[in-house]
Amino acid sequence: MASTSSPTLPPELEREIFELCAHSWPMEIPELMRVAHRVNQWVHALLYRTMVVLDASESVHTPGPSLTTEQALATIRAKPPAFFSTAVRHLFSSAHLGLRKDVESILAACSGLENLCLLYMDTTWIPFIAVMPLKHFYGPCKSLLTLHLSHAVFLRLTHLEVLDTIEATDTWTVHVESLPALTHLAFINLNDTALCIRLLKACKSLRVLILHHGVGAGGRDRDHPHEAALAQDGRVVGLNCSNYIQDWCLGARWGEDYWHRAEIFVEKRRAGEIDRAYPFSDFTSD
């Protein structure tokens, strides 16, 4: 360690300062860990509070450290068994299903997750997800909600983003209506605007409904029979997110993601600062 000198500030205040620095500049945590042994103990776990696991072939800039699946597993093996269950609160994984066993090991280690994004989903992971205190979940949801809605983990969800393509013939979405704590809902590709009308009526707790890239695959230029009805509900927001992974990281670390921007947009519309006649915003993640 670079220093073993005694602190001149009360330990509680000194710890608060270093933890604030770690949260504000996560890339600098390795340097903070070199300040003193006590500082290492305070901020070491914060290095893993938000874990981004990317496919080895991906080259994506993230506001904080990212790992390959292999690196994540090696790190997990190098720590005591309980370390990651208490350290990691946010996990993003783009690992494909060919690495399902590796992802399963990561999920098993990170049992304390509150925020989980899985670009690919295998139903064999459900037992590991079910024990997590999840509040935010992003992932393919068709088989997940249809088969496993009884798990208490879904009853705690406040934010749900559906990564499947949703068609008018899909019936599993009725399960979304019964999620009691759900306040934020997003669809990546929704081809049934009638579903939005039903969800907005049924989900009384819903504050924001996000439609990525506008409504349906055709975006804003597509003709939708229910568009006028959607325009009457100020909770509907459409947006383009140009860097999905980066935006997720910003939300996990500082709460500055598209959920936050959509909330601001809804409040401005409610206050009359934005025309209520059209339910879609024009902001992006940039």
Protein backbone atom coordinates (compact mmCIF):
# COMPACT_ATOMS: atom_id res chain seq x y z
CA MET A 1 0.00 0.00 0.00
CA ALA A 2 1.13 3.54 -0.68
CA SER A 3 0.41 4.81 2.82
CA THR A 4 -0.08 3.40 6.31
CA SER A 5 -0.37 6.75 8.09
CA SER A 6 -3.08 7.33 10.66
CA PRO A 7 -6.15 9.22 9.43
CA THR A 8 -6.63 12.85 10.45
CA LEU A 9 -10.40 12.73 9.92
CA PRO A 10 -12.93 10.68 11.89
CA PRO A 11 -13.03 7.19 10.34
CA GLU A 12 -16.74 7.46 9.51
CA LEU A 13 -16.23 10.71 7.59
CA GLU A 14 -13.11 9.45 5.87
CA ARG A 15 -14.90 6.30 4.75
CA GLU A 16 -17.84 8.32 3.44
CA ILE A 17 -15.48 10.49 1.38
CA PHE A 18 -13.67 7.54 -0.19
CA GLU A 19 -16.90 5.68 -0.92
CA LEU A 20 -18.32 8.80 -2.56
CA CYS A 21 -15.21 9.04 -4.73
CA ALA A 22 -15.55 5.37 -5.65
CA HIS A 23 -19.19 5.79 -6.67
CA SER A 24 -18.43 8.95 -8.65
CA TRP A 25 -15.33 7.64 -10.47
CA PRO A 26 -15.53 3.82 -10.60
CA MET A 27 -12.60 3.60 -13.00
CA GLU A 28 -10.40 5.10 -10.26
CA ILE A 29 -11.26 2.49 -7.60
CA PRO A 30 -8.05 0.46 -8.22
CA GLU A 31 -6.03 3.61 -7.46
CA LEU A 32 -8.08 4.33 -4.34
CA MET A 33 -7.38 0.80 -3.13
CA ARG A 34 -3.67 1.67 -3.08
CA VAL A 35 -4.08 4.62 -0.70
CA ALA A 36 -4.15 2.57 2.50
CA HIS A 37 -5.23 -0.82 3.78
CA ARG A 38 -8.34 0.63 5.42
CA VAL A 39 -9.36 2.34 2.18
CA ASN A 40 -8.88 -0.92 0.29
CA GLN A 41 -11.30 -2.61 2.66
CA TRP A 42 -13.87 0.15 2.22
CA VAL A 43 -13.91 0.42 -1.58
CA HIS A 44 -12.81 -3.01 -2.82
CA ALA A 45 -16.34 -4.40 -3.00
CA LEU A 46 -17.55 -1.26 -4.76
CA LEU A 47 -15.36 -2.20 -7.72
CA TYR A 48 -17.86 -4.98 -8.41
CA ARG A 49 -21.10 -3.24 -7.45
CA THR A 50 -21.92 -2.91 -11.16
CA MET A 51 -20.64 -5.83 -13.22
CA VAL A 52 -20.72 -5.75 -17.02
CA VAL A 53 -20.01 -9.09 -18.68
CA LEU A 54 -19.51 -8.84 -22.42
CA ASP A 55 -18.84 -11.38 -25.11
CA ALA A 56 -15.12 -11.60 -25.81
CA SER A 57 -15.70 -10.46 -29.40
CA GLU A 58 -17.49 -7.25 -28.37
CA SER A 59 -15.76 -3.89 -28.34
CA VAL A 60 -18.02 -1.55 -26.39
CA HIS A 61 -17.10 1.50 -24.36
CA THR A 62 -18.68 1.40 -20.91
CA PRO A 63 -18.48 4.03 -18.14
CA GLY A 64 -16.71 1.63 -15.80
CA PRO A 65 -14.91 -1.72 -15.86
CA SER A 66 -16.19 -4.59 -18.02
CA LEU A 67 -15.20 -8.26 -18.07
CA THR A 68 -15.41 -11.15 -20.46
CA THR A 69 -17.28 -14.22 -19.23
CA GLU A 70 -13.96 -15.98 -18.67
CA GLN A 71 -12.57 -13.05 -16.68
CA ALA A 72 -15.73 -12.84 -14.58
CA LEU A 73 -15.54 -16.53 -13.69
CA ALA A 74 -11.85 -16.27 -12.82
CA THR A 75 -12.57 -13.29 -10.56
CA ILE A 76 -15.41 -15.13 -8.84
CA ARG A 77 -13.19 -18.15 -8.17
CA ALA A 78 -10.52 -15.91 -6.67
CA LYS A 79 -12.87 -14.44 -4.05
CA PRO A 80 -14.52 -15.98 -0.96
CA PRO A 81 -17.86 -17.64 -1.82
CA ALA A 82 -19.99 -14.93 -0.17
CA PHE A 83 -18.10 -11.95 -1.63
CA PHE A 84 -20.07 -11.48 -4.85
CA SER A 85 -23.44 -12.17 -3.24
CA THR A 86 -23.01 -9.01 -1.16
CA ALA A 87 -20.84 -6.94 -3.53
CA VAL A 88 -22.70 -7.09 -6.85
CA ARG A 89 -26.00 -5.23 -7.14
CA HIS A 90 -26.19 -4.62 -10.91
CA LEU A 91 -25.32 -7.17 -13.60
CA PHE A 92 -25.38 -6.85 -17.38
CA SER A 93 -24.63 -9.92 -19.48
CA SER A 94 -24.48 -10.19 -23.26
CA ALA A 95 -23.12 -13.75 -23.12
CA HIS A 96 -24.82 -15.94 -25.71
CA LEU A 97 -26.56 -19.22 -24.88
CA GLY A 98 -23.51 -21.22 -25.90
CA LEU A 99 -22.07 -20.04 -22.57
CA ARG A 100 -25.18 -20.91 -20.54
CA LYS A 101 -23.25 -22.87 -17.89
CA ASP A 102 -20.83 -19.99 -17.40
CA VAL A 103 -23.68 -17.50 -17.03
CA GLU A 104 -25.36 -19.88 -14.61
CA SER A 105 -22.22 -19.84 -12.43
CA ILE A 106 -22.15 -16.04 -12.50
CA LEU A 107 -25.83 -15.79 -11.55
CA ALA A 108 -25.32 -18.31 -8.74
CA ALA A 109 -22.50 -16.19 -7.31
CA CYS A 110 -24.37 -12.88 -7.64
CA SER A 111 -27.45 -13.80 -5.62
CA GLY A 112 -27.92 -10.28 -4.20
CA LEU A 113 -28.77 -8.60 -7.51
CA GLU A 114 -31.32 -5.79 -7.59
CA ASN A 115 -30.81 -4.98 -11.28
CA LEU A 116 -30.31 -7.65 -13.95
CA CYS A 117 -30.05 -7.38 -17.73
CA LEU A 118 -29.73 -10.56 -19.80
CA LEU A 119 -29.65 -10.16 -23.56
CA TYR A 120 -30.11 -13.93 -23.81
CA MET A 121 -32.19 -16.02 -21.47
CA ASP A 122 -32.36 -19.71 -20.62
CA THR A 123 -35.17 -21.01 -18.43
CA THR A 124 -32.69 -23.17 -16.51
CA TRP A 125 -31.47 -19.95 -14.91
CA ILE A 126 -34.82 -19.30 -13.24
CA PRO A 127 -33.91 -20.94 -9.89
CA PHE A 128 -30.92 -18.60 -9.57
CA ILE A 129 -32.93 -15.51 -10.53
CA ALA A 130 -35.81 -16.45 -8.22
CA VAL A 131 -33.77 -15.92 -5.03
CA MET A 132 -32.57 -12.44 -6.03
CA PRO A 133 -34.09 -9.26 -4.53
CA LEU A 134 -34.68 -7.95 -8.07
CA LYS A 135 -36.32 -4.59 -8.70
CA HIS A 136 -35.18 -4.08 -12.31
CA PHE A 137 -35.19 -6.82 -14.95
CA TYR A 138 -34.31 -6.52 -18.63
CA GLY A 139 -34.53 -9.61 -20.81
CA PRO A 140 -36.52 -11.98 -23.04
CA CYS A 141 -39.71 -12.49 -21.06
CA LYS A 142 -42.15 -14.68 -22.98
CA SER A 143 -41.32 -18.05 -21.47
CA LEU A 144 -40.08 -16.42 -18.27
CA LEU A 145 -43.36 -14.81 -17.29
CA THR A 146 -45.59 -17.52 -18.70
CA LEU A 147 -43.90 -20.34 -16.82
CA HIS A 148 -42.64 -18.71 -13.68
CA LEU A 149 -44.88 -15.80 -12.71
CA SER A 150 -45.52 -17.44 -9.34
CA HIS A 151 -41.96 -16.72 -8.23
CA ALA A 152 -41.94 -13.92 -5.67
CA VAL A 153 -39.10 -12.22 -7.55
CA PHE A 154 -41.60 -10.87 -10.10
CA LEU A 155 -43.88 -9.49 -7.41
CA ARG A 156 -41.09 -7.10 -6.38
CA LEU A 157 -40.28 -5.80 -9.86
CA THR A 158 -40.68 -2.05 -10.34
CA HIS A 159 -38.93 -1.84 -13.76
CA LEU A 160 -39.41 -4.39 -16.53
CA GLU A 161 -38.02 -4.21 -20.05
CA VAL A 162 -39.17 -6.83 -22.54
CA LEU A 163 -36.52 -7.68 -25.13
CA ASP A 164 -38.70 -10.09 -27.13
CA THR A 165 -40.52 -9.01 -30.28
CA ILE A 166 -44.17 -8.79 -29.24
CA GLU A 167 -46.87 -9.79 -31.72
CA ALA A 168 -50.62 -9.27 -31.59
CA THR A 169 -51.12 -13.01 -31.09
CA ASP A 170 -49.02 -13.17 -27.92
CA THR A 171 -51.10 -13.98 -24.84
CA TRP A 172 -48.39 -14.14 -22.16
CA THR A 173 -48.50 -10.35 -21.73
CA VAL A 174 -51.62 -10.68 -19.61
CA HIS A 175 -49.29 -11.75 -16.81
CA VAL A 176 -47.65 -8.32 -16.84
CA GLU A 177 -50.94 -6.79 -15.71
CA SER A 178 -50.77 -8.69 -12.42
CA LEU A 179 -47.33 -7.44 -11.34
CA PRO A 180 -48.29 -5.34 -8.28
CA ALA A 181 -45.18 -3.18 -7.89
CA LEU A 182 -44.57 -2.42 -11.58
CA THR A 183 -44.16 1.31 -12.24
CA HIS A 184 -41.92 1.31 -15.35
CA LEU A 185 -42.41 -0.88 -18.42
CA ALA A 186 -40.54 -0.86 -21.73
CA PHE A 187 -40.78 -2.76 -25.01
CA ILE A 188 -37.96 -3.02 -27.53
CA ASN A 189 -40.14 -4.12 -30.44
CA LEU A 190 -43.89 -4.03 -30.05
CA ASN A 191 -46.14 -4.79 -33.01
CA ASP A 192 -49.47 -4.49 -31.20
CA THR A 193 -50.50 -1.02 -30.08
CA ALA A 194 -53.79 -2.40 -28.73
CA LEU A 195 -51.71 -4.15 -26.08
CA CYS A 196 -50.47 -0.77 -24.86
CA ILE A 197 -54.03 0.44 -24.39
CA ARG A 198 -54.88 -2.63 -22.33
CA LEU A 199 -51.75 -2.42 -20.20
CA LEU A 200 -52.24 1.27 -19.49
CA LYS A 201 -55.77 0.57 -18.27
CA ALA A 202 -54.92 -2.56 -16.30
CA CYS A 203 -51.63 -1.49 -14.65
CA LYS A 204 -52.80 1.17 -12.24
CA SER A 205 -49.35 1.60 -10.72
CA LEU A 206 -47.67 2.17 -14.11
CA ARG A 207 -46.03 5.61 -14.34
CA VAL A 208 -44.03 5.23 -17.57
CA LEU A 209 -44.51 3.03 -20.66
CA ILE A 210 -41.53 3.24 -23.02
CA LEU A 211 -41.67 2.16 -26.64
CA HIS A 212 -38.15 1.97 -28.01
CA HIS A 213 -37.81 3.28 -31.59
CA GLY A 214 -41.41 4.51 -31.58
CA VAL A 215 -44.34 2.12 -31.87
CA GLY A 216 -43.70 -1.05 -33.81
CA ALA A 217 -40.94 -1.85 -36.26
CA GLY A 218 -42.01 0.99 -38.54
CA GLY A 219 -41.38 3.67 -35.93
CA ARG A 220 -43.14 7.05 -36.05
CA ASP A 221 -43.92 6.91 -39.77
CA ARG A 222 -46.08 3.83 -39.45
CA ASP A 223 -49.89 4.16 -39.36
CA HIS A 224 -51.37 2.75 -36.14
CA PRO A 225 -55.11 2.56 -35.45
CA HIS A 226 -54.63 3.11 -31.71
CA GLU A 227 -52.20 6.02 -31.97
CA ALA A 228 -54.87 8.59 -31.09
CA ALA A 229 -55.77 6.64 -27.95
CA LEU A 230 -52.13 6.42 -26.93
CA ALA A 231 -51.86 10.17 -27.32
CA GLN A 232 -54.46 10.60 -24.60
CA ASP A 233 -52.23 8.92 -22.02
CA GLY A 234 -49.31 11.04 -20.94
CA ARG A 235 -47.35 8.07 -19.62
CA VAL A 236 -46.37 6.79 -23.08
CA VAL A 237 -42.89 7.75 -24.26
CA GLY A 238 -41.09 6.69 -27.42
CA LEU A 239 -37.34 7.00 -27.78
CA ASN A 240 -34.20 5.90 -29.56
CA CYS A 241 -31.33 4.61 -27.44
CA SER A 242 -28.19 4.75 -29.56
CA ASN A 243 -25.90 2.99 -27.05
CA TYR A 244 -27.95 0.54 -25.01
CA ILE A 245 -25.13 -0.89 -22.89
CA GLN A 246 -23.71 2.51 -22.02
CA ASP A 247 -27.14 3.80 -21.10
CA TRP A 248 -27.77 0.81 -18.84
CA CYS A 249 -24.42 1.41 -17.11
CA LEU A 250 -25.23 5.08 -16.54
CA GLY A 251 -28.50 4.05 -14.95
CA ALA A 252 -26.94 1.38 -12.76
CA ARG A 253 -24.16 3.67 -11.54
CA TRP A 254 -25.84 7.07 -11.31
CA GLY A 255 -29.52 6.69 -12.20
CA GLU A 256 -29.06 8.78 -15.35
CA ASP A 257 -30.64 6.53 -17.96
CA TYR A 258 -33.60 6.59 -20.32
CA TRP A 259 -35.98 5.70 -17.46
CA HIS A 260 -34.94 8.91 -15.74
CA ARG A 261 -35.22 10.99 -18.91
CA ALA A 262 -38.63 9.50 -19.68
CA GLU A 263 -39.86 10.45 -16.20
CA ILE A 264 -38.74 14.04 -16.79
CA PHE A 265 -40.50 14.05 -20.16
CA VAL A 266 -43.75 12.75 -18.62
CA GLU A 267 -43.62 15.38 -15.87
CA LYS A 268 -43.04 18.16 -18.41
CA ARG A 269 -45.95 16.92 -20.48
CA ARG A 270 -48.14 16.81 -17.36
CA ALA A 271 -47.09 20.37 -16.51
CA GLY A 272 -47.97 21.57 -20.01
CA GLU A 273 -44.38 22.28 -21.03
CA ILE A 274 -44.65 19.67 -23.81
CA ASP A 275 -47.60 19.24 -26.17
CA ARG A 276 -49.81 16.37 -24.99
CA ALA A 277 -51.15 15.81 -28.52
CA TYR A 278 -48.37 13.40 -29.44
CA PRO A 279 -47.12 10.76 -27.01
CA PHE A 280 -43.57 10.38 -28.29
CA SER A 281 -40.44 12.23 -27.31
CA ASP A 282 -37.53 12.99 -29.59
CA PHE A 283 -34.67 12.50 -27.17
CA THR A 284 -31.96 9.88 -27.61
CA SER A 285 -29.32 8.51 -25.26
CA ASP A 286 -26.75 11.01 -26.54
